């Protein structure tokens, strides 16, 4: 960086949110590991495509009006 640009360089801006996150990470160094563990628990799952296809084939279509009776009377 040239001398002229260094003269006019402003300090790096950090929003309040960024500052909060940095403070949180400093206070809880294992936070990211906990986030990864939580993600693995709820989201990172292996999908068995064969079982998923069987599940879709076994679905029973819903009737247009689910509260009606099959007997036809009231």
PDB file of N, CA and C in Angstrom:
ATOM      1  N   UNK A   1       0.846  -1.167   0.000  1.00  0.00           N
ATOM      2  CA  UNK A   1       0.000   0.000   0.000  1.00  0.00           C
ATOM      3  C   UNK A   1       0.897   1.236   0.000  1.00  0.00           C
ATOM      4  N   UNK A   2       0.558   2.173  -0.799  1.00  0.00           N
ATOM      5  CA  UNK A   2       1.394   3.375  -0.899  1.00  0.00           C
ATOM      6  C   UNK A   2       1.209   4.269   0.335  1.00  0.00           C
ATOM      7  N   UNK A   3       2.166   5.199   0.538  1.00  0.00           N
ATOM      8  CA  UNK A   3       2.111   6.103   1.687  1.00  0.00           C
ATOM      9  C   UNK A   3       0.858   6.963   1.648  1.00  0.00           C
ATOM     10  N   UNK A   4       0.476   7.399   0.460  1.00  0.00           N
ATOM     11  CA  UNK A   4      -0.693   8.253   0.330  1.00  0.00           C
ATOM     12  C   UNK A   4      -1.964   7.529   0.789  1.00  0.00           C
ATOM     13  N   UNK A   5      -2.108   6.275   0.411  1.00  0.00           N
ATOM     14  CA  UNK A   5      -3.290   5.527   0.821  1.00  0.00           C
ATOM     15  C   UNK A   5      -3.272   5.230   2.318  1.00  0.00           C
ATOM     16  N   UNK A   6      -2.098   5.013   2.887  1.00  0.00           N
ATOM     17  CA  UNK A   6      -2.013   4.748   4.321  1.00  0.00           C
ATOM     18  C   UNK A   6      -2.402   5.969   5.153  1.00  0.00           C
ATOM     19  N   UNK A   7      -2.172   7.147   4.633  1.00  0.00           N
ATOM     20  CA  UNK A   7      -2.524   8.377   5.353  1.00  0.00           C
ATOM     21  C   UNK A   7      -4.041   8.492   5.496  1.00  0.00           C
ATOM     22  N   UNK A   8      -4.756   8.160   4.437  1.00  0.00           N
ATOM     23  CA  UNK A   8      -6.204   8.318   4.427  1.00  0.00           C
ATOM     24  C   UNK A   8      -6.966   7.070   4.867  1.00  0.00           C
ATOM     25  N   UNK A   9      -6.238   6.030   5.229  1.00  0.00           N
ATOM     26  CA  UNK A   9      -6.901   4.779   5.626  1.00  0.00           C
ATOM     27  C   UNK A   9      -7.606   4.967   6.963  1.00  0.00           C
ATOM     28  N   UNK A  10      -8.852   4.532   6.998  1.00  0.00           N
ATOM     29  CA  UNK A  10      -9.621   4.598   8.233  1.00  0.00           C
ATOM     30  C   UNK A  10      -9.526   3.253   8.944  1.00  0.00           C
ATOM     31  N   UNK A  11      -9.739   3.235  10.248  1.00  0.00           N
ATOM     32  CA  UNK A  11      -9.718   1.953  10.946  1.00  0.00           C
ATOM     33  C   UNK A  11     -10.835   1.045  10.431  1.00  0.00           C
ATOM     34  N   UNK A  12     -10.624  -0.251  10.519  1.00  0.00           N
ATOM     35  CA  UNK A  12     -11.628  -1.204  10.045  1.00  0.00           C
ATOM     36  C   UNK A  12     -12.915  -1.061  10.856  1.00  0.00           C
ATOM     37  N   UNK A  13     -14.015  -0.969  10.152  1.00  0.00           N
ATOM     38  CA  UNK A  13     -15.320  -0.821  10.798  1.00  0.00           C
ATOM     39  C   UNK A  13     -15.849  -2.188  11.196  1.00  0.00           C
ATOM     40  N   UNK A  14     -16.388  -2.293  12.391  1.00  0.00           N
ATOM     41  CA  UNK A  14     -17.076  -3.497  12.834  1.00  0.00           C
ATOM     42  C   UNK A  14     -18.420  -3.080  13.405  1.00  0.00           C
ATOM     43  N   UNK A  15     -19.467  -3.705  12.902  1.00  0.00           N
ATOM     44  CA  UNK A  15     -20.795  -3.382  13.406  1.00  0.00           C
ATOM     45  C   UNK A  15     -20.950  -3.903  14.834  1.00  0.00           C
ATOM     46  N   UNK A  16     -22.004  -3.457  15.489  1.00  0.00           N
ATOM     47  CA  UNK A  16     -22.265  -3.906  16.854  1.00  0.00           C
ATOM     48  C   UNK A  16     -22.522  -5.409  16.886  1.00  0.00           C
ATOM     49  N   UNK A  17     -23.160  -5.911  15.863  1.00  0.00           N
ATOM     50  CA  UNK A  17     -23.444  -7.348  15.799  1.00  0.00           C
ATOM     51  C   UNK A  17     -22.143  -8.133  15.697  1.00  0.00           C
ATOM     52  N   UNK A  18     -21.241  -7.686  14.834  1.00  0.00           N
ATOM     53  CA  UNK A  18     -19.946  -8.355  14.689  1.00  0.00           C
ATOM     54  C   UNK A  18     -19.162  -8.309  15.991  1.00  0.00           C
ATOM     55  N   UNK A  19     -19.178  -7.173  16.655  1.00  0.00           N
ATOM     56  CA  UNK A  19     -18.493  -7.057  17.932  1.00  0.00           C
ATOM     57  C   UNK A  19     -19.091  -8.008  18.962  1.00  0.00           C
ATOM     58  N   UNK A  20     -20.417  -8.115  18.987  1.00  0.00           N
ATOM     59  CA  UNK A  20     -21.086  -9.025  19.917  1.00  0.00           C
ATOM     60  C   UNK A  20     -20.684 -10.465  19.657  1.00  0.00           C
ATOM     61  N   UNK A  21     -20.682 -10.863  18.393  1.00  0.00           N
ATOM     62  CA  UNK A  21     -20.326 -12.242  18.043  1.00  0.00           C
ATOM     63  C   UNK A  21     -18.878 -12.530  18.422  1.00  0.00           C
ATOM     64  N   UNK A  22     -17.990 -11.593  18.164  1.00  0.00           N
ATOM     65  CA  UNK A  22     -16.584 -11.785  18.530  1.00  0.00           C
ATOM     66  C   UNK A  22     -16.425 -11.919  20.049  1.00  0.00           C
ATOM     67  N   UNK A  23     -17.151 -11.105  20.815  1.00  0.00           N
ATOM     68  CA  UNK A  23     -17.099 -11.206  22.270  1.00  0.00           C
ATOM     69  C   UNK A  23     -17.664 -12.544  22.747  1.00  0.00           C
ATOM     70  N   UNK A  24     -18.744 -12.985  22.109  1.00  0.00           N
ATOM     71  CA  UNK A  24     -19.359 -14.255  22.470  1.00  0.00           C
ATOM     72  C   UNK A  24     -18.406 -15.415  22.207  1.00  0.00           C
ATOM     73  N   UNK A  25     -17.740 -15.383  21.053  1.00  0.00           N
ATOM     74  CA  UNK A  25     -16.771 -16.438  20.729  1.00  0.00           C
ATOM     75  C   UNK A  25     -15.589 -16.425  21.685  1.00  0.00           C
ATOM     76  N   UNK A  26     -15.171 -15.236  22.119  1.00  0.00           N
ATOM     77  CA  UNK A  26     -14.063 -15.139  23.073  1.00  0.00           C
ATOM     78  C   UNK A  26     -14.474 -15.688  24.437  1.00  0.00           C
ATOM     79  N   UNK A  27     -15.726 -15.436  24.826  1.00  0.00           N
ATOM     80  CA  UNK A  27     -16.212 -15.915  26.116  1.00  0.00           C
ATOM     81  C   UNK A  27     -16.494 -17.412  26.109  1.00  0.00           C
ATOM     82  N   UNK A  28     -16.922 -17.936  24.947  1.00  0.00           N
ATOM     83  CA  UNK A  28     -17.254 -19.364  24.830  1.00  0.00           C
ATOM     84  C   UNK A  28     -16.484 -19.954  23.647  1.00  0.00           C
ATOM     85  N   UNK A  29     -15.253 -20.367  23.854  1.00  0.00           N
ATOM     86  CA  UNK A  29     -14.446 -20.865  22.737  1.00  0.00           C
ATOM     87  C   UNK A  29     -14.996 -22.143  22.090  1.00  0.00           C
ATOM     88  N   UNK A  30     -15.807 -22.904  22.814  1.00  0.00           N
ATOM     89  CA  UNK A  30     -16.339 -24.148  22.254  1.00  0.00           C
ATOM     90  C   UNK A  30     -17.702 -23.952  21.583  1.00  0.00           C
ATOM     91  N   UNK A  31     -18.113 -22.720  21.376  1.00  0.00           N
ATOM     92  CA  UNK A  31     -19.425 -22.424  20.803  1.00  0.00           C
ATOM     93  C   UNK A  31     -19.593 -23.010  19.399  1.00  0.00           C
ATOM     94  N   UNK A  32     -18.597 -22.856  18.547  1.00  0.00           N
ATOM     95  CA  UNK A  32     -18.711 -23.374  17.177  1.00  0.00           C
ATOM     96  C   UNK A  32     -18.814 -24.896  17.161  1.00  0.00           C
ATOM     97  N   UNK A  33     -18.089 -25.562  18.056  1.00  0.00           N
ATOM     98  CA  UNK A  33     -18.179 -27.026  18.143  1.00  0.00           C
ATOM     99  C   UNK A  33     -19.583 -27.444  18.582  1.00  0.00           C
ATOM    100  N   UNK A  34     -20.174 -26.693  19.505  1.00  0.00           N
ATOM    101  CA  UNK A  34     -21.544 -26.989  19.936  1.00  0.00           C
ATOM    102  C   UNK A  34     -22.532 -26.770  18.797  1.00  0.00           C
ATOM    103  N   UNK A  35     -22.321 -25.729  18.003  1.00  0.00           N
ATOM    104  CA  UNK A  35     -23.194 -25.470  16.862  1.00  0.00           C
ATOM    105  C   UNK A  35     -23.103 -26.598  15.847  1.00  0.00           C
ATOM    106  N   UNK A  36     -21.888 -27.062  15.575  1.00  0.00           N
ATOM    107  CA  UNK A  36     -21.712 -28.174  14.630  1.00  0.00           C
ATOM    108  C   UNK A  36     -22.367 -29.446  15.145  1.00  0.00           C
ATOM    109  N   UNK A  37     -22.242 -29.705  16.438  1.00  0.00           N
ATOM    110  CA  UNK A  37     -22.860 -30.891  17.026  1.00  0.00           C
ATOM    111  C   UNK A  37     -24.383 -30.808  16.920  1.00  0.00           C
ATOM    112  N   UNK A  38     -24.938 -29.629  17.180  1.00  0.00           N
ATOM    113  CA  UNK A  38     -26.381 -29.440  17.058  1.00  0.00           C
ATOM    114  C   UNK A  38     -26.853 -29.603  15.628  1.00  0.00           C
ATOM    115  N   UNK A  39     -26.087 -29.099  14.702  1.00  0.00           N
ATOM    116  CA  UNK A  39     -26.452 -29.248  13.292  1.00  0.00           C
ATOM    117  C   UNK A  39     -26.410 -30.718  12.884  1.00  0.00           C
ATOM    118  N   UNK A  40     -25.400 -31.433  13.327  1.00  0.00           N
ATOM    119  CA  UNK A  40     -25.297 -32.856  13.007  1.00  0.00           C
ATOM    120  C   UNK A  40     -26.461 -33.634  13.608  1.00  0.00           C
ATOM    121  N   UNK A  41     -26.902 -33.213  14.775  1.00  0.00           N
ATOM    122  CA  UNK A  41     -28.001 -33.903  15.444  1.00  0.00           C
ATOM    123  C   UNK A  41     -29.312 -33.738  14.695  1.00  0.00           C
ATOM    124  N   UNK A  42     -29.569 -32.521  14.200  1.00  0.00           N
ATOM    125  CA  UNK A  42     -30.874 -32.238  13.606  1.00  0.00           C
ATOM    126  C   UNK A  42     -30.903 -32.231  12.086  1.00  0.00           C
ATOM    127  N   UNK A  43     -29.808 -31.879  11.417  1.00  0.00           N
ATOM    128  CA  UNK A  43     -29.880 -31.645   9.979  1.00  0.00           C
ATOM    129  C   UNK A  43     -29.028 -32.567   9.138  1.00  0.00           C
ATOM    130  N   UNK A  44     -27.815 -32.843   9.527  1.00  0.00           N
ATOM    131  CA  UNK A  44     -26.895 -33.607   8.690  1.00  0.00           C
ATOM    132  C   UNK A  44     -27.201 -35.095   8.805  1.00  0.00           C
ATOM    133  N   UNK A  45     -28.166 -35.544   8.050  1.00  0.00           N
ATOM    134  CA  UNK A  45     -28.602 -36.933   8.096  1.00  0.00           C
ATOM    135  C   UNK A  45     -28.420 -37.579   6.722  1.00  0.00           C
ATOM    136  N   UNK A  46     -28.129 -38.878   6.753  1.00  0.00           N
ATOM    137  CA  UNK A  46     -28.063 -39.645   5.511  1.00  0.00           C
ATOM    138  C   UNK A  46     -29.491 -40.005   5.107  1.00  0.00           C
ATOM    139  N   UNK A  47     -29.855 -39.739   3.871  1.00  0.00           N
ATOM    140  CA  UNK A  47     -31.197 -40.017   3.388  1.00  0.00           C
ATOM    141  C   UNK A  47     -31.157 -41.306   2.582  1.00  0.00           C
ATOM    142  N   UNK A  48     -31.934 -42.287   3.008  1.00  0.00           N
ATOM    143  CA  UNK A  48     -32.045 -43.548   2.279  1.00  0.00           C
ATOM    144  C   UNK A  48     -33.129 -43.368   1.213  1.00  0.00           C
ATOM    145  N   UNK A  49     -32.717 -43.199  -0.022  1.00  0.00           N
ATOM    146  CA  UNK A  49     -33.653 -42.892  -1.114  1.00  0.00           C
ATOM    147  C   UNK A  49     -34.652 -44.029  -1.354  1.00  0.00           C
ATOM    148  N   UNK A  50     -34.237 -45.251  -1.142  1.00  0.00           N
ATOM    149  CA  UNK A  50     -35.134 -46.393  -1.356  1.00  0.00           C
ATOM    150  C   UNK A  50     -36.279 -46.368  -0.333  1.00  0.00           C
ATOM    151  N   UNK A  51     -35.941 -46.176   0.932  1.00  0.00           N
ATOM    152  CA  UNK A  51     -36.977 -46.105   1.963  1.00  0.00           C
ATOM    153  C   UNK A  51     -37.871 -44.887   1.763  1.00  0.00           C
ATOM    154  N   UNK A  52     -37.298 -43.790   1.310  1.00  0.00           N
ATOM    155  CA  UNK A  52     -38.085 -42.593   1.067  1.00  0.00           C
ATOM    156  C   UNK A  52     -39.093 -42.841  -0.059  1.00  0.00           C
ATOM    157  N   UNK A  53     -38.672 -43.555  -1.096  1.00  0.00           N
ATOM    158  CA  UNK A  53     -39.587 -43.894  -2.186  1.00  0.00           C
ATOM    159  C   UNK A  53     -40.713 -44.799  -1.723  1.00  0.00           C
ATOM    160  N   UNK A  54     -40.380 -45.784  -0.883  1.00  0.00           N
ATOM    161  CA  UNK A  54     -41.413 -46.669  -0.339  1.00  0.00           C
ATOM    162  C   UNK A  54     -42.409 -45.891   0.514  1.00  0.00           C
ATOM    163  N   UNK A  55     -41.899 -44.950   1.284  1.00  0.00           N
ATOM    164  CA  UNK A  55     -42.776 -44.148   2.129  1.00  0.00           C
ATOM    165  C   UNK A  55     -43.744 -43.333   1.275  1.00  0.00           C
ATOM    166  N   UNK A  56     -43.243 -42.767   0.200  1.00  0.00           N
ATOM    167  CA  UNK A  56     -44.115 -41.974  -0.687  1.00  0.00           C
ATOM    168  C   UNK A  56     -45.171 -42.847  -1.346  1.00  0.00           C
ATOM    169  N   UNK A  57     -44.798 -44.061  -1.747  1.00  0.00           N
ATOM    170  CA  UNK A  57     -45.762 -44.969  -2.381  1.00  0.00           C
ATOM    171  C   UNK A  57     -46.837 -45.425  -1.402  1.00  0.00           C
ATOM    172  N   UNK A  58     -46.510 -45.509  -0.123  1.00  0.00           N
ATOM    173  CA  UNK A  58     -47.447 -46.009   0.884  1.00  0.00           C
ATOM    174  C   UNK A  58     -48.411 -44.943   1.385  1.00  0.00           C
ATOM    175  N   UNK A  59     -48.215 -43.711   0.990  1.00  0.00           N
ATOM    176  CA  UNK A  59     -49.101 -42.644   1.463  1.00  0.00           C
ATOM    177  C   UNK A  59     -50.513 -42.838   0.933  1.00  0.00           C
ATOM    178  N   UNK A  60     -51.470 -42.527   1.772  1.00  0.00           N
ATOM    179  CA  UNK A  60     -52.879 -42.590   1.393  1.00  0.00           C
ATOM    180  C   UNK A  60     -53.324 -41.169   1.094  1.00  0.00           C
ATOM    181  N   UNK A  61     -53.917 -40.927  -0.075  1.00  0.00           N
ATOM    182  CA  UNK A  61     -54.321 -39.559  -0.401  1.00  0.00           C
ATOM    183  C   UNK A  61     -55.393 -39.051   0.565  1.00  0.00           C
ATOM    184  N   UNK A  62     -55.276 -37.799   0.920  1.00  0.00           N
ATOM    185  CA  UNK A  62     -56.231 -37.194   1.837  1.00  0.00           C
ATOM    186  C   UNK A  62     -57.493 -36.826   1.085  1.00  0.00           C
ATOM    187  N   UNK A  63     -58.622 -37.001   1.761  1.00  0.00           N
ATOM    188  CA  UNK A  63     -59.905 -36.652   1.156  1.00  0.00           C
ATOM    189  C   UNK A  63     -60.042 -35.132   1.121  1.00  0.00           C
ATOM    190  N   UNK A  64     -60.827 -34.609   0.186  1.00  0.00           N
ATOM    191  CA  UNK A  64     -60.975 -33.153   0.091  1.00  0.00           C
ATOM    192  C   UNK A  64     -61.555 -32.541   1.363  1.00  0.00           C
ATOM    193  N   UNK A  65     -62.466 -33.222   1.996  1.00  0.00           N
ATOM    194  CA  UNK A  65     -63.061 -32.715   3.230  1.00  0.00           C
ATOM    195  C   UNK A  65     -62.840 -33.801   4.290  1.00  0.00           C
ATOM    196  N   UNK A  66     -61.853 -33.583   5.135  1.00  0.00           N
ATOM    197  CA  UNK A  66     -61.427 -34.643   6.057  1.00  0.00           C
ATOM    198  C   UNK A  66     -62.423 -34.880   7.190  1.00  0.00           C
ATOM    199  N   UNK A  67     -63.302 -33.951   7.479  1.00  0.00           N
ATOM    200  CA  UNK A  67     -64.223 -34.095   8.608  1.00  0.00           C
ATOM    201  C   UNK A  67     -65.524 -34.772   8.223  1.00  0.00           C
ATOM    202  N   UNK A  68     -65.693 -35.064   6.976  1.00  0.00           N
ATOM    203  CA  UNK A  68     -66.905 -35.733   6.557  1.00  0.00           C
ATOM    204  C   UNK A  68     -66.866 -37.208   6.889  1.00  0.00           C
ATOM    205  N   UNK A  69     -68.024 -37.829   7.028  1.00  0.00           N
ATOM    206  CA  UNK A  69     -68.081 -39.248   7.328  1.00  0.00           C
ATOM    207  C   UNK A  69     -68.186 -40.047   6.029  1.00  0.00           C
ATOM    208  N   UNK A  70     -67.808 -41.307   6.093  1.00  0.00           N
ATOM    209  CA  UNK A  70     -67.879 -42.181   4.914  1.00  0.00           C
ATOM    210  C   UNK A  70     -69.276 -42.735   4.707  1.00  0.00           C
ATOM    211  N   UNK A  71     -70.132 -42.647   5.733  1.00  0.00           N
ATOM    212  CA  UNK A  71     -71.456 -43.254   5.635  1.00  0.00           C
ATOM    213  C   UNK A  71     -72.389 -42.461   4.727  1.00  0.00           C
ATOM    214  N   UNK A  72     -72.103 -41.224   4.469  1.00  0.00           N
ATOM    215  CA  UNK A  72     -72.925 -40.416   3.584  1.00  0.00           C
ATOM    216  C   UNK A  72     -74.054 -39.726   4.300  1.00  0.00           C
ATOM    217  N   UNK A  73     -74.392 -40.131   5.510  1.00  0.00           N
ATOM    218  CA  UNK A  73     -75.486 -39.506   6.274  1.00  0.00           C
ATOM    219  C   UNK A  73     -74.917 -38.526   7.277  1.00  0.00           C
ATOM    220  N   UNK A  74     -75.858 -37.847   7.911  1.00  0.00           N
ATOM    221  CA  UNK A  74     -75.406 -36.880   8.921  1.00  0.00           C
ATOM    222  C   UNK A  74     -75.612 -37.369  10.276  1.00  0.00           C
TER     223      UNK A  74
END
